[in-house]
Amino acid sequence: IPPTARIVPRTTAGPVTELAQLLTDIGKLSGVTRRVASMDGFRAALADLVRAEGVKRATCWTTPEMDAWGVAAALQALDVEIVPADADKHIVAACELGVTGVDAALPETGTLALTSSPDRPRVASLLPRVHLALLRPAVLRPDLHQVFAETQAAGYSVLISGPSRTADIELTLTLGVHGPKSLYVWVMEMA
């Protein structure tokens, strides 16, 4: 390997600083962040999001972590219809909200990595107008090399750095043309 191709691995600044950097960088990319410390806090935050974004239908991953947090039940208690993530893509795309977990997060760039499987379909993060990504601090990773090493066995991975963005020839930035218009990232700090 030529010397110019060598990149020194990134050193981390500790979990508290890394998490603060992740949230700051997500905010710079037009994402909305929140730290959730209790189940009551989670349900209140979810009620705020449903009200603010006019959510009537949602789809979410069906992982044990989502079940433990009671995501689908909390949404149903707010009169939100739950659409199975494996439903027809047009039906999923009509959902206002997609809720996923996060497999890895890169504080340096505010990037989230999500792997795909039958209970974790990509459409939940890509088709609804609003994407809510729930993460635990343990998913913080120092660099992309580690993320790729951990996710290479997955069939697909999605890297997310803020809401969908595109610009026309005059460089007028528009959010949400080719994916979610809003990205919410909540750090689940419950025991």
C-alpha atoms as a PDB file:
ATOM      1  CA  ILE A   1       0.000   0.000   0.000  1.00  0.00           C
ATOM      2  CA  PRO A   2       1.464   3.374  -0.964  1.00  0.00           C
ATOM      3  CA  PRO A   3       2.010   5.781   1.957  1.00  0.00           C
ATOM      4  CA  THR A   4      -0.596   8.197   0.571  1.00  0.00           C
ATOM      5  CA  ALA A   5      -3.274   5.471   0.836  1.00  0.00           C
ATOM      6  CA  ARG A   6      -2.728   4.880   4.527  1.00  0.00           C
ATOM      7  CA  ILE A   7      -5.195   6.543   6.826  1.00  0.00           C
ATOM      8  CA  VAL A   8      -4.540   6.685  10.515  1.00  0.00           C
ATOM      9  CA  PRO A   9      -7.466   5.151  12.414  1.00  0.00           C
ATOM     10  CA  ARG A  10      -9.638   7.723  14.124  1.00  0.00           C
ATOM     11  CA  THR A  11      -9.260   7.902  17.876  1.00  0.00           C
ATOM     12  CA  THR A  12     -12.381   8.427  19.904  1.00  0.00           C
ATOM     13  CA  ALA A  13     -12.881  11.066  22.558  1.00  0.00           C
ATOM     14  CA  GLY A  14     -14.914   8.879  24.920  1.00  0.00           C
ATOM     15  CA  PRO A  15     -18.596   7.920  24.856  1.00  0.00           C
ATOM     16  CA  VAL A  16     -20.022  11.161  26.271  1.00  0.00           C
ATOM     17  CA  THR A  17     -18.123  13.359  23.805  1.00  0.00           C
ATOM     18  CA  GLU A  18     -18.759  10.974  20.899  1.00  0.00           C
ATOM     19  CA  LEU A  19     -22.506  10.953  21.540  1.00  0.00           C
ATOM     20  CA  ALA A  20     -22.574  14.748  21.793  1.00  0.00           C
ATOM     21  CA  GLN A  21     -20.691  14.999  18.492  1.00  0.00           C
ATOM     22  CA  LEU A  22     -23.086  12.557  16.797  1.00  0.00           C
ATOM     23  CA  LEU A  23     -26.124  14.563  17.880  1.00  0.00           C
ATOM     24  CA  THR A  24     -24.516  17.855  16.880  1.00  0.00           C
ATOM     25  CA  ASP A  25     -23.589  16.562  13.432  1.00  0.00           C
ATOM     26  CA  ILE A  26     -27.051  15.076  12.861  1.00  0.00           C
ATOM     27  CA  GLY A  27     -28.482  18.502  13.727  1.00  0.00           C
ATOM     28  CA  LYS A  28     -26.161  20.155  11.196  1.00  0.00           C
ATOM     29  CA  LEU A  29     -27.626  17.799   8.571  1.00  0.00           C
ATOM     30  CA  SER A  30     -31.222  18.922   9.352  1.00  0.00           C
ATOM     31  CA  GLY A  31     -31.963  15.955  11.589  1.00  0.00           C
ATOM     32  CA  VAL A  32     -33.875  16.331  14.860  1.00  0.00           C
ATOM     33  CA  THR A  33     -32.292  14.633  17.860  1.00  0.00           C
ATOM     34  CA  ARG A  34     -33.500  13.754  21.307  1.00  0.00           C
ATOM     35  CA  ARG A  35     -32.232  11.816  24.281  1.00  0.00           C
ATOM     36  CA  VAL A  36     -34.809   9.506  25.878  1.00  0.00           C
ATOM     37  CA  ALA A  37     -34.193   8.353  29.450  1.00  0.00           C
ATOM     38  CA  SER A  38     -37.444   6.554  30.339  1.00  0.00           C
ATOM     39  CA  MET A  39     -40.366   4.713  28.815  1.00  0.00           C
ATOM     40  CA  ASP A  40     -42.678   7.551  29.875  1.00  0.00           C
ATOM     41  CA  GLY A  41     -40.332   9.986  28.156  1.00  0.00           C
ATOM     42  CA  PHE A  42     -40.358   7.809  25.036  1.00  0.00           C
ATOM     43  CA  ARG A  43     -44.154   7.681  24.883  1.00  0.00           C
ATOM     44  CA  ALA A  44     -44.382  11.463  25.413  1.00  0.00           C
ATOM     45  CA  ALA A  45     -41.794  12.098  22.695  1.00  0.00           C
ATOM     46  CA  LEU A  46     -43.639   9.762  20.334  1.00  0.00           C
ATOM     47  CA  ALA A  47     -46.920  11.593  21.026  1.00  0.00           C
ATOM     48  CA  ASP A  48     -45.186  14.909  20.225  1.00  0.00           C
ATOM     49  CA  LEU A  49     -43.788  13.523  16.963  1.00  0.00           C
ATOM     50  CA  VAL A  50     -47.122  12.013  15.878  1.00  0.00           C
ATOM     51  CA  ARG A  51     -48.875  15.323  16.531  1.00  0.00           C
ATOM     52  CA  ALA A  52     -46.176  17.509  14.912  1.00  0.00           C
ATOM     53  CA  GLU A  53     -45.857  15.372  11.778  1.00  0.00           C
ATOM     54  CA  GLY A  54     -49.546  14.447  11.387  1.00  0.00           C
ATOM     55  CA  VAL A  55     -48.825  10.727  11.525  1.00  0.00           C
ATOM     56  CA  LYS A  56     -51.818   8.493  10.772  1.00  0.00           C
ATOM     57  CA  ARG A  57     -49.974   5.380   9.508  1.00  0.00           C
ATOM     58  CA  ALA A  58     -46.578   4.001  10.445  1.00  0.00           C
ATOM     59  CA  THR A  59     -44.379   1.041   9.670  1.00  0.00           C
ATOM     60  CA  CYS A  60     -41.623  -0.266  11.877  1.00  0.00           C
ATOM     61  CA  TRP A  61     -39.078  -3.001  12.226  1.00  0.00           C
ATOM     62  CA  THR A  62     -40.243  -6.113  14.077  1.00  0.00           C
ATOM     63  CA  THR A  63     -37.079  -6.726  16.069  1.00  0.00           C
ATOM     64  CA  PRO A  64     -36.885  -7.785  19.732  1.00  0.00           C
ATOM     65  CA  GLU A  65     -35.526  -4.323  20.569  1.00  0.00           C
ATOM     66  CA  MET A  66     -38.543  -2.598  18.980  1.00  0.00           C
ATOM     67  CA  ASP A  67     -40.819  -4.981  20.909  1.00  0.00           C
ATOM     68  CA  ALA A  68     -38.972  -4.265  24.183  1.00  0.00           C
ATOM     69  CA  TRP A  69     -39.452  -0.538  23.659  1.00  0.00           C
ATOM     70  CA  GLY A  70     -43.115  -1.113  22.788  1.00  0.00           C
ATOM     71  CA  VAL A  71     -42.910   0.957  19.604  1.00  0.00           C
ATOM     72  CA  ALA A  72     -45.906  -0.509  17.757  1.00  0.00           C
ATOM     73  CA  ALA A  73     -48.067  -0.596  20.902  1.00  0.00           C
ATOM     74  CA  ALA A  74     -47.207   3.027  21.750  1.00  0.00           C
ATOM     75  CA  LEU A  75     -48.105   4.119  18.217  1.00  0.00           C
ATOM     76  CA  GLN A  76     -51.377   2.178  18.288  1.00  0.00           C
ATOM     77  CA  ALA A  77     -52.237   3.833  21.612  1.00  0.00           C
ATOM     78  CA  LEU A  78     -51.919   7.150  19.735  1.00  0.00           C
ATOM     79  CA  ASP A  79     -54.443   5.924  17.103  1.00  0.00           C
ATOM     80  CA  VAL A  80     -51.714   5.330  14.515  1.00  0.00           C
ATOM     81  CA  GLU A  81     -52.378   2.455  12.124  1.00  0.00           C
ATOM     82  CA  ILE A  82     -49.430   0.037  11.933  1.00  0.00           C
ATOM     83  CA  VAL A  83     -48.630  -1.130   8.419  1.00  0.00           C
ATOM     84  CA  PRO A  84     -46.451  -4.243   8.169  1.00  0.00           C
ATOM     85  CA  ALA A  85     -43.055  -3.351   6.712  1.00  0.00           C
ATOM     86  CA  ASP A  86     -43.361  -6.284   4.299  1.00  0.00           C
ATOM     87  CA  ALA A  87     -46.589  -4.879   2.808  1.00  0.00           C
ATOM     88  CA  ASP A  88     -46.677  -3.667  -0.789  1.00  0.00           C
ATOM     89  CA  LYS A  89     -44.132  -0.871  -1.287  1.00  0.00           C
ATOM     90  CA  HIS A  90     -46.856   1.572  -2.356  1.00  0.00           C
ATOM     91  CA  ILE A  91     -48.720   0.989   0.903  1.00  0.00           C
ATOM     92  CA  VAL A  92     -45.509   1.419   2.933  1.00  0.00           C
ATOM     93  CA  ALA A  93     -44.671   4.578   0.966  1.00  0.00           C
ATOM     94  CA  ALA A  94     -48.065   6.017   1.964  1.00  0.00           C
ATOM     95  CA  CYS A  95     -47.063   5.804   5.642  1.00  0.00           C
ATOM     96  CA  GLU A  96     -46.124   9.074   7.258  1.00  0.00           C
ATOM     97  CA  LEU A  97     -43.629   7.407   9.625  1.00  0.00           C
ATOM     98  CA  GLY A  98     -41.048   4.631   9.460  1.00  0.00           C
ATOM     99  CA  VAL A  99     -39.389   3.519  12.700  1.00  0.00           C
ATOM    100  CA  THR A 100     -36.099   1.620  12.730  1.00  0.00           C
ATOM    101  CA  GLY A 101     -33.231   0.777  14.992  1.00  0.00           C
ATOM    102  CA  VAL A 102     -29.604   1.626  14.187  1.00  0.00           C
ATOM    103  CA  ASP A 103     -26.738  -0.860  13.850  1.00  0.00           C
ATOM    104  CA  ALA A 104     -23.889   1.651  13.903  1.00  0.00           C
ATOM    105  CA  ALA A 105     -23.455   5.406  14.155  1.00  0.00           C
ATOM    106  CA  LEU A 106     -20.478   7.527  13.107  1.00  0.00           C
ATOM    107  CA  PRO A 107     -20.116  10.613  15.325  1.00  0.00           C
ATOM    108  CA  GLU A 108     -17.607  12.287  13.012  1.00  0.00           C
ATOM    109  CA  THR A 109     -20.149  12.600  10.181  1.00  0.00           C
ATOM    110  CA  GLY A 110     -23.530  12.109  11.863  1.00  0.00           C
ATOM    111  CA  THR A 111     -24.064   8.988   9.758  1.00  0.00           C
ATOM    112  CA  LEU A 112     -26.296   6.061  10.717  1.00  0.00           C
ATOM    113  CA  ALA A 113     -25.812   2.528   9.379  1.00  0.00           C
ATOM    114  CA  LEU A 114     -28.777   0.162   9.140  1.00  0.00           C
ATOM    115  CA  THR A 115     -28.543  -3.430   7.956  1.00  0.00           C
ATOM    116  CA  SER A 116     -31.415  -5.181   6.260  1.00  0.00           C
ATOM    117  CA  SER A 117     -33.116  -8.499   6.963  1.00  0.00           C
ATOM    118  CA  PRO A 118     -36.714  -9.805   6.818  1.00  0.00           C
ATOM    119  CA  ASP A 119     -37.567  -8.236  10.202  1.00  0.00           C
ATOM    120  CA  ARG A 120     -35.566  -5.076   9.360  1.00  0.00           C
ATOM    121  CA  PRO A 121     -36.626  -4.102   5.824  1.00  0.00           C
ATOM    122  CA  ARG A 122     -34.955  -1.154   4.117  1.00  0.00           C
ATOM    123  CA  VAL A 123     -38.307   0.319   3.081  1.00  0.00           C
ATOM    124  CA  ALA A 124     -39.035   1.383   6.671  1.00  0.00           C
ATOM    125  CA  SER A 125     -36.185   3.914   6.503  1.00  0.00           C
ATOM    126  CA  LEU A 126     -36.483   4.870   2.844  1.00  0.00           C
ATOM    127  CA  LEU A 127     -40.148   5.231   1.844  1.00  0.00           C
ATOM    128  CA  PRO A 128     -42.176   6.998   4.576  1.00  0.00           C
ATOM    129  CA  ARG A 129     -42.097  10.807   4.743  1.00  0.00           C
ATOM    130  CA  VAL A 130     -40.597  10.772   8.259  1.00  0.00           C
ATOM    131  CA  HIS A 131     -37.898   8.403   9.520  1.00  0.00           C
ATOM    132  CA  LEU A 132     -37.464   7.848  13.260  1.00  0.00           C
ATOM    133  CA  ALA A 133     -34.202   6.050  14.066  1.00  0.00           C
ATOM    134  CA  LEU A 134     -33.843   4.731  17.606  1.00  0.00           C
ATOM    135  CA  LEU A 135     -30.318   4.010  18.792  1.00  0.00           C
ATOM    136  CA  ARG A 136     -28.480   2.929  21.884  1.00  0.00           C
ATOM    137  CA  PRO A 137     -25.149   4.625  22.722  1.00  0.00           C
ATOM    138  CA  ALA A 138     -23.444   1.221  22.304  1.00  0.00           C
ATOM    139  CA  VAL A 139     -23.762   1.492  18.494  1.00  0.00           C
ATOM    140  CA  LEU A 140     -21.231   4.353  18.250  1.00  0.00           C
ATOM    141  CA  ARG A 141     -18.283   3.389  16.049  1.00  0.00           C
ATOM    142  CA  PRO A 142     -15.019   5.280  15.463  1.00  0.00           C
ATOM    143  CA  ASP A 143     -14.878   4.965  11.673  1.00  0.00           C
ATOM    144  CA  LEU A 144     -16.417   3.564   8.523  1.00  0.00           C
ATOM    145  CA  HIS A 145     -13.870   0.740   8.327  1.00  0.00           C
ATOM    146  CA  GLN A 146     -15.305  -0.800  11.491  1.00  0.00           C
ATOM    147  CA  VAL A 147     -18.878  -0.319  10.261  1.00  0.00           C
ATOM    148  CA  PHE A 148     -18.082  -2.079   6.975  1.00  0.00           C
ATOM    149  CA  ALA A 149     -16.323  -4.922   8.799  1.00  0.00           C
ATOM    150  CA  GLU A 150     -19.353  -5.430  11.058  1.00  0.00           C
ATOM    151  CA  THR A 151     -22.004  -5.163   8.351  1.00  0.00           C
ATOM    152  CA  GLN A 152     -20.371  -6.948   5.417  1.00  0.00           C
ATOM    153  CA  ALA A 153     -22.268 -10.178   6.103  1.00  0.00           C
ATOM    154  CA  ALA A 154     -25.628  -8.363   5.858  1.00  0.00           C
ATOM    155  CA  GLY A 155     -27.385  -8.560   2.517  1.00  0.00           C
ATOM    156  CA  TYR A 156     -27.854  -4.813   2.359  1.00  0.00           C
ATOM    157  CA  SER A 157     -26.854  -1.808   4.410  1.00  0.00           C
ATOM    158  CA  VAL A 158     -28.183   1.717   4.294  1.00  0.00           C
ATOM    159  CA  LEU A 159     -26.037   4.702   5.304  1.00  0.00           C
ATOM    160  CA  ILE A 160     -28.086   7.730   6.337  1.00  0.00           C
ATOM    161  CA  SER A 161     -26.731  11.245   6.765  1.00  0.00           C
ATOM    162  CA  GLY A 162     -29.773  13.448   7.294  1.00  0.00           C
ATOM    163  CA  PRO A 163     -33.051  13.696   5.383  1.00  0.00           C
ATOM    164  CA  SER A 164     -33.088  13.077   1.627  1.00  0.00           C
ATOM    165  CA  ARG A 165     -31.561  16.057  -0.234  1.00  0.00           C
ATOM    166  CA  THR A 166     -31.367  17.092  -3.830  1.00  0.00           C
ATOM    167  CA  ALA A 167     -30.613  20.328  -5.660  1.00  0.00           C
ATOM    168  CA  ASP A 168     -31.556  21.575  -9.097  1.00  0.00           C
ATOM    169  CA  ILE A 169     -29.200  23.168 -11.615  1.00  0.00           C
ATOM    170  CA  GLU A 170     -29.516  26.486  -9.761  1.00  0.00           C
ATOM    171  CA  LEU A 171     -28.448  24.722  -6.542  1.00  0.00           C
ATOM    172  CA  THR A 172     -31.810  25.185  -4.849  1.00  0.00           C
ATOM    173  CA  LEU A 173     -31.798  22.564  -2.087  1.00  0.00           C
ATOM    174  CA  THR A 174     -34.954  20.514  -1.595  1.00  0.00           C
ATOM    175  CA  LEU A 175     -35.527  17.979   1.186  1.00  0.00           C
ATOM    176  CA  GLY A 176     -37.512  14.773   0.794  1.00  0.00           C
ATOM    177  CA  VAL A 177     -37.628  14.320  -2.967  1.00  0.00           C
ATOM    178  CA  HIS A 178     -35.954  10.888  -3.030  1.00  0.00           C
ATOM    179  CA  GLY A 179     -36.602   9.681   0.513  1.00  0.00           C
ATOM    180  CA  PRO A 180     -37.717  10.899   3.925  1.00  0.00           C
ATOM    181  CA  LYS A 181     -38.258  14.622   4.273  1.00  0.00           C
ATOM    182  CA  SER A 182     -37.591  14.501   8.027  1.00  0.00           C
ATOM    183  CA  LEU A 183     -35.138  12.490  10.095  1.00  0.00           C
ATOM    184  CA  TYR A 184     -35.560  12.088  13.845  1.00  0.00           C
ATOM    185  CA  VAL A 185     -32.800  10.337  15.792  1.00  0.00           C
ATOM    186  CA  TRP A 186     -33.480   9.433  19.396  1.00  0.00           C
ATOM    187  CA  VAL A 187     -30.874   8.049  21.757  1.00  0.00           C
ATOM    188  CA  MET A 188     -32.529   5.411  23.922  1.00  0.00           C
ATOM    189  CA  GLU A 189     -30.733   5.683  27.265  1.00  0.00           C
ATOM    190  CA  MET A 190     -33.132   3.537  29.298  1.00  0.00           C
ATOM    191  CA  ALA A 191     -31.666   0.708  31.361  1.00  0.00           C
END
